[in-house]
C-alpha cells in the first residue's frame, strides 16, 4: 500500500509562547512535526493535494464555461479597472522619471531600462519536439480549456488568428490586454536577447484594452530541443522554453514576481497538454 504524506511544523508558533528556559530545553528536544497520513481510500496512489488540484481544475473550468467570457469580464470589472489605473500610474512614473519622454533617462537621455520577468521551463521525455510544440500551441485541437485551463487565473483567453485577447492576473493586477500580433521571428526590440540557440521564437506586445493602447509588456518566447546526453537530465528527449516579458520601468516587484510564477505554471501545463494531445492522437507531432 502506498502512503502519501503532507507535513508541516507547528513548533515555531508553540515555542514562541514558552518561557526562555523552556525554549532552550525544546531546542534539543523538539516535538515531531504534525503530519497527516492517507492510509487508504483512493485506488490511485497519490497525495491528497494531487486530488485537490485535479478537482480545482475541474471546478474552475466548469465555472468559466458556465459564466462565459462576457459575464467574467463584467464580474471582474472592478479588478480590471483597478489594474488599468495601476498600469497607467506605472507608465506615468516611468515617463516622469525619464524627463517626460518615452522612457528616457533625465541625465543620459538613454531609454530607461525595462524590467525583465523571465521563467525557463523544461519538459522531458516529450512525444514532440520544439517545432511541433509551437505548431500545437497555434493549432485548434478541439480542447475548449487549452488556453483557459493552463492557469487558474486565466479568466479569459481567446485566440483569433495571430491575435490574442486575455484577462489574467500578473501578480495582484487582473489585467485585460490584447496581443495584436503574436508572430514568429527573432527579437523585435533592442533590449531583447537574440538567443541564437533557440530556433523557434515569437514576439508580441501586451496592449491594454481600455482604449488607451498603452503597452504594458513586450513578450518574447523562445523554444529549442534539448540535446540528448548533454542537457536532458531526466530523459532522452526534451524541449526548453525561455519565457520573457519586459515590463515598464518601475513595475512593482510583486507584479514582476507574480508574472514569473504565472509563466512557470501556464507553460508547464501547456507542455503537459501537448503531451496528452499527441499521445491521445488529437495532434500529430
Protein backbone atom coordinates (compact mmCIF):
# COMPACT_ATOMS: atom_id res chain seq x y z
CA UNK A 1 0.00 0.00 0.00
CA UNK A 2 1.37 3.43 -0.95
CA UNK A 3 1.07 6.07 1.77
CA UNK A 4 1.29 9.77 0.99
CA UNK A 5 2.26 12.45 3.49
CA UNK A 6 1.68 16.14 3.94
CA UNK A 7 3.73 17.55 6.82
CA UNK A 8 4.27 20.97 8.28
CA UNK A 9 5.71 22.26 11.53
CA UNK A 10 3.78 23.98 14.27
CA UNK A 11 6.77 24.14 16.59
CA UNK A 12 7.70 27.77 15.93
CA UNK A 13 4.28 29.07 16.95
CA UNK A 14 4.24 26.89 20.08
CA UNK A 15 7.80 27.69 21.13
CA UNK A 16 7.31 31.44 20.91
CA UNK A 17 4.78 31.26 23.76
CA UNK A 18 7.15 29.39 26.12
CA UNK A 19 9.48 30.92 28.74
CA UNK A 20 13.10 31.36 27.71
CA UNK A 21 14.29 28.38 29.75
CA UNK A 22 11.61 26.17 28.27
CA UNK A 23 12.53 27.29 24.76
CA UNK A 24 16.15 26.36 25.43
CA UNK A 25 15.08 22.89 26.54
CA UNK A 26 12.89 22.34 23.50
CA UNK A 27 15.73 23.37 21.19
CA UNK A 28 17.23 19.95 21.71
CA UNK A 29 14.00 18.01 22.24
CA UNK A 30 11.63 19.49 19.69
CA UNK A 31 8.40 17.56 19.17
CA UNK A 32 7.88 15.70 15.90
CA UNK A 33 6.16 17.73 13.20
CA UNK A 34 2.42 17.49 12.78
CA UNK A 35 1.56 15.16 9.90
CA UNK A 36 -1.47 13.82 8.06
CA UNK A 37 -1.26 10.33 6.53
CA UNK A 38 -3.54 8.97 3.84
CA UNK A 39 -3.79 5.36 4.96
CA UNK A 40 -6.31 4.05 2.44
CA UNK A 41 -9.10 5.13 0.15
CA UNK A 42 -8.39 6.24 -3.43
CA UNK A 43 -7.21 3.46 -5.72
CA UNK A 44 -4.69 5.79 -7.35
CA UNK A 45 -1.66 6.25 -5.09
CA UNK A 46 -1.12 9.99 -4.71
CA UNK A 47 -1.10 12.77 -2.16
CA UNK A 48 -4.44 14.38 -1.27
CA UNK A 49 -3.13 17.61 -2.78
CA UNK A 50 -2.97 15.83 -6.15
CA UNK A 51 -6.67 15.00 -5.98
CA UNK A 52 -7.41 18.51 -4.75
CA UNK A 53 -5.57 20.08 -7.70
CA UNK A 54 -7.48 17.95 -10.21
CA UNK A 55 -10.78 18.91 -8.59
CA UNK A 56 -9.79 22.57 -8.55
CA UNK A 57 -9.10 22.48 -12.29
CA UNK A 58 -12.47 20.81 -12.90
CA UNK A 59 -14.32 23.35 -10.76
CA UNK A 60 -12.64 26.36 -12.36
CA UNK A 61 -13.19 25.09 -15.89
CA UNK A 62 -16.85 24.45 -15.13
CA UNK A 63 -17.37 27.91 -13.64
CA UNK A 64 -15.61 29.63 -16.54
CA UNK A 65 -17.67 27.64 -19.05
CA UNK A 66 -20.98 28.39 -17.35
CA UNK A 67 -20.29 32.09 -16.87
CA UNK A 68 -18.80 32.79 -20.29
CA UNK A 69 -16.30 35.48 -21.25
CA UNK A 70 -18.74 38.41 -21.14
CA UNK A 71 -20.00 37.64 -17.63
CA UNK A 72 -16.47 37.01 -16.36
CA UNK A 73 -15.31 40.38 -17.68
CA UNK A 74 -18.32 42.06 -16.04
CA UNK A 75 -17.69 40.24 -12.77
CA UNK A 76 -14.04 41.30 -12.76
CA UNK A 77 -14.69 44.85 -13.96
CA UNK A 78 -13.62 46.45 -10.63
CA UNK A 79 -10.37 44.47 -10.68
CA UNK A 80 -9.70 45.24 -14.35
CA UNK A 81 -10.36 48.95 -13.80
CA UNK A 82 -8.04 48.97 -10.79
CA UNK A 83 -5.33 47.25 -12.83
CA UNK A 84 -5.76 49.77 -15.68
CA UNK A 85 -5.25 52.62 -13.21
CA UNK A 86 -2.22 50.90 -11.72
CA UNK A 87 -0.62 50.35 -15.13
CA UNK A 88 -1.18 53.97 -16.15
CA UNK A 89 0.37 55.11 -12.87
CA UNK A 90 3.39 52.87 -13.53
CA UNK A 91 3.75 54.24 -17.05
CA UNK A 92 3.37 57.83 -15.83
CA UNK A 93 6.09 57.36 -13.21
CA UNK A 94 8.38 55.83 -15.81
CA UNK A 95 7.76 58.76 -18.14
CA UNK A 96 8.20 61.32 -15.35
CA UNK A 97 11.46 59.81 -14.15
CA UNK A 98 12.78 59.95 -17.70
CA UNK A 99 12.04 63.63 -18.18
CA UNK A 100 8.64 63.21 -19.77
CA UNK A 101 9.91 61.42 -22.81
CA UNK A 102 9.45 57.86 -23.94
CA UNK A 103 11.26 56.25 -21.01
CA UNK A 104 14.32 58.44 -21.50
CA UNK A 105 16.70 58.95 -18.60
CA UNK A 106 16.98 62.56 -17.39
CA UNK A 107 20.77 62.56 -17.13
CA UNK A 108 21.87 60.43 -20.08
CA UNK A 109 18.96 60.67 -22.48
CA UNK A 110 19.08 56.87 -22.82
CA UNK A 111 15.89 54.84 -22.61
CA UNK A 112 15.02 53.74 -19.09
CA UNK A 113 15.66 50.03 -18.83
CA UNK A 114 12.51 47.90 -18.81
CA UNK A 115 12.22 45.19 -16.18
CA UNK A 116 12.57 41.58 -17.25
CA UNK A 117 10.19 38.94 -15.93
CA UNK A 118 11.52 35.59 -17.12
CA UNK A 119 10.93 31.90 -16.48
CA UNK A 120 12.69 28.90 -18.02
CA UNK A 121 10.73 25.66 -18.23
CA UNK A 122 11.86 22.25 -19.50
CA UNK A 123 9.80 19.21 -20.45
CA UNK A 124 11.42 15.77 -20.60
CA UNK A 125 10.58 12.57 -22.48
CA UNK A 126 8.28 14.53 -24.75
CA UNK A 127 6.29 13.00 -27.59
CA UNK A 128 7.05 16.13 -29.62
CA UNK A 129 9.96 18.40 -30.46
CA UNK A 130 10.13 22.18 -30.10
CA UNK A 131 8.79 22.84 -33.58
CA UNK A 132 5.83 20.54 -33.02
CA UNK A 133 5.06 22.23 -29.70
CA UNK A 134 4.95 25.64 -31.36
CA UNK A 135 2.62 24.21 -34.03
CA UNK A 136 0.44 22.62 -31.34
CA UNK A 137 0.19 25.91 -29.48
CA UNK A 138 -1.23 27.66 -32.54
CA UNK A 139 -3.48 24.78 -33.61
CA UNK A 140 -7.15 24.21 -32.83
CA UNK A 141 -7.01 20.86 -31.04
CA UNK A 142 -10.68 20.87 -30.05
CA UNK A 143 -9.92 21.36 -26.36
CA UNK A 144 -12.04 24.25 -25.02
CA UNK A 145 -9.77 24.54 -21.97
CA UNK A 146 -6.45 24.54 -23.81
CA UNK A 147 -5.90 28.22 -23.06
CA UNK A 148 -8.19 28.96 -20.10
CA UNK A 149 -7.23 25.78 -18.26
CA UNK A 150 -3.48 26.39 -18.28
CA UNK A 151 -3.64 28.65 -15.22
CA UNK A 152 -6.31 29.22 -12.54
CA UNK A 153 -6.15 32.96 -13.22
CA UNK A 154 -6.63 32.67 -16.97
CA UNK A 155 -10.05 34.24 -16.68
CA UNK A 156 -10.48 34.84 -20.42
CA UNK A 157 -8.09 33.53 -23.07
CA UNK A 158 -9.11 33.59 -26.72
CA UNK A 159 -7.11 33.36 -29.92
CA UNK A 160 -8.19 34.57 -33.35
CA UNK A 161 -5.51 34.16 -35.97
CA UNK A 162 -2.38 35.86 -34.69
CA UNK A 163 -4.27 38.00 -32.15
CA UNK A 164 -4.84 37.01 -28.54
CA UNK A 165 -7.42 38.55 -26.14
CA UNK A 166 -6.69 37.98 -22.48
CA UNK A 167 -7.92 38.67 -18.95
CA UNK A 168 -5.43 37.23 -16.48
CA UNK A 169 -3.56 38.09 -13.30
CA UNK A 170 0.02 39.29 -13.28
CA UNK A 171 0.64 39.17 -9.57
CA UNK A 172 -2.00 41.38 -7.94
CA UNK A 173 -3.07 43.04 -11.20
CA UNK A 174 -6.00 41.43 -13.04
CA UNK A 175 -5.09 42.79 -16.44
CA UNK A 176 -7.19 42.86 -19.58
CA UNK A 177 -4.95 43.16 -22.61
CA UNK A 178 -4.62 42.18 -26.22
CA UNK A 179 -1.66 40.87 -28.16
CA UNK A 180 -2.48 42.28 -31.63
CA UNK A 181 0.06 40.02 -33.33
CA UNK A 182 1.92 37.13 -31.71
CA UNK A 183 4.29 36.32 -34.54
CA UNK A 184 7.34 34.19 -35.19
CA UNK A 185 10.82 35.53 -35.72
CA UNK A 186 13.63 36.92 -33.63
CA UNK A 187 13.71 39.85 -31.20
CA UNK A 188 11.87 42.99 -32.27
CA UNK A 189 13.24 45.33 -29.57
CA UNK A 190 16.85 46.27 -28.84
CA UNK A 191 16.66 45.11 -25.22
CA UNK A 192 15.57 41.57 -26.18
CA UNK A 193 18.24 38.87 -26.29
CA UNK A 194 18.95 37.17 -29.60
CA UNK A 195 19.10 33.60 -28.16
CA UNK A 196 20.58 32.07 -31.34
CA UNK A 197 20.35 28.57 -29.88
CA UNK A 198 16.55 28.80 -29.86
CA UNK A 199 15.29 28.39 -33.44
CA UNK A 200 11.62 28.89 -32.55
CA UNK A 201 10.85 32.39 -31.29
CA UNK A 202 7.76 34.57 -31.13
CA UNK A 203 7.22 38.15 -30.01
CA UNK A 204 4.29 40.43 -29.31
CA UNK A 205 3.12 43.38 -27.24
CA UNK A 206 0.61 43.37 -24.40
CA UNK A 207 -1.72 46.32 -25.09
CA UNK A 208 -4.35 47.43 -22.57
CA UNK A 209 -7.95 47.16 -23.80
CA UNK A 210 -9.15 50.32 -22.06
CA UNK A 211 -8.94 52.36 -25.26
CA UNK A 212 -5.54 53.84 -24.44
CA UNK A 213 -3.48 51.35 -26.47
CA UNK A 214 -0.89 51.55 -23.69
CA UNK A 215 1.79 48.86 -23.96
CA UNK A 216 2.42 47.18 -20.61
CA UNK A 217 4.63 44.31 -21.77
CA UNK A 218 6.93 43.24 -24.58
CA UNK A 219 6.70 39.47 -24.96
CA UNK A 220 9.49 37.24 -26.27
CA UNK A 221 9.05 33.46 -26.01
CA UNK A 222 11.74 31.09 -27.31
CA UNK A 223 11.88 27.30 -27.69
CA UNK A 224 14.50 24.71 -28.52
CA UNK A 225 15.12 20.99 -28.41
CA UNK A 226 17.30 19.71 -25.58
CA UNK A 227 20.34 17.76 -26.70
CA UNK A 228 20.45 14.12 -25.55
CA UNK A 229 23.33 13.30 -23.24
CA UNK A 230 24.09 16.94 -22.56
CA UNK A 231 21.05 18.76 -21.24
CA UNK A 232 18.35 16.13 -20.88
CA UNK A 233 18.86 15.34 -17.22
CA UNK A 234 15.64 13.38 -16.78
CA UNK A 235 15.21 11.50 -20.03
CA UNK A 236 16.22 11.06 -23.64
CA UNK A 237 14.33 13.90 -25.29
CA UNK A 238 13.04 17.28 -24.26
CA UNK A 239 12.05 20.86 -25.02
CA UNK A 240 13.11 24.05 -23.26
CA UNK A 241 11.21 27.33 -23.18
CA UNK A 242 12.59 30.75 -22.24
CA UNK A 243 9.61 32.94 -21.45
CA UNK A 244 10.34 36.64 -21.25
CA UNK A 245 8.10 39.65 -20.70
CA UNK A 246 9.72 43.07 -20.48
CA UNK A 247 7.68 45.33 -18.20
CA UNK A 248 7.75 49.13 -17.87
CA UNK A 249 10.48 50.64 -15.71
CA UNK A 250 9.28 50.90 -12.14
CA UNK A 251 6.85 47.98 -12.26
CA UNK A 252 6.42 46.80 -8.63
CA UNK A 253 8.33 43.70 -7.55
CA UNK A 254 5.17 41.75 -6.66
CA UNK A 255 3.88 42.20 -10.21
CA UNK A 256 7.22 41.08 -11.70
CA UNK A 257 7.46 38.03 -9.45
CA UNK A 258 3.78 37.22 -9.90
CA UNK A 259 4.27 37.17 -13.66
CA UNK A 260 7.28 34.85 -13.33
CA UNK A 261 5.15 32.43 -11.33
CA UNK A 262 2.35 32.79 -13.87
CA UNK A 263 4.66 31.96 -16.78
CA UNK A 264 6.04 28.92 -14.97
CA UNK A 265 2.58 27.50 -14.28
CA UNK A 266 0.98 28.10 -17.66
CA UNK A 267 3.81 26.73 -19.79
CA UNK A 268 4.30 23.71 -17.53
CA UNK A 269 0.64 22.94 -18.14
CA UNK A 270 0.87 23.65 -21.88
CA UNK A 271 3.78 21.24 -22.16
CA UNK A 272 1.64 18.62 -20.37
CA UNK A 273 -1.43 19.37 -22.51
CA UNK A 274 0.64 18.95 -25.69
CA UNK A 275 1.99 15.62 -24.44
CA UNK A 276 -1.55 14.39 -23.76
CA UNK A 277 -2.84 15.53 -27.14
CA UNK A 278 -0.03 13.86 -29.07
CA UNK A 279 -0.31 10.59 -27.15
CA UNK A 280 -4.10 10.51 -27.49
CA UNK A 281 -3.97 11.32 -31.21
CA UNK A 282 -5.55 14.78 -31.07
CA UNK A 283 -2.45 16.33 -32.60
CA UNK A 284 0.15 14.83 -34.94
CA UNK A 285 3.64 15.84 -33.86
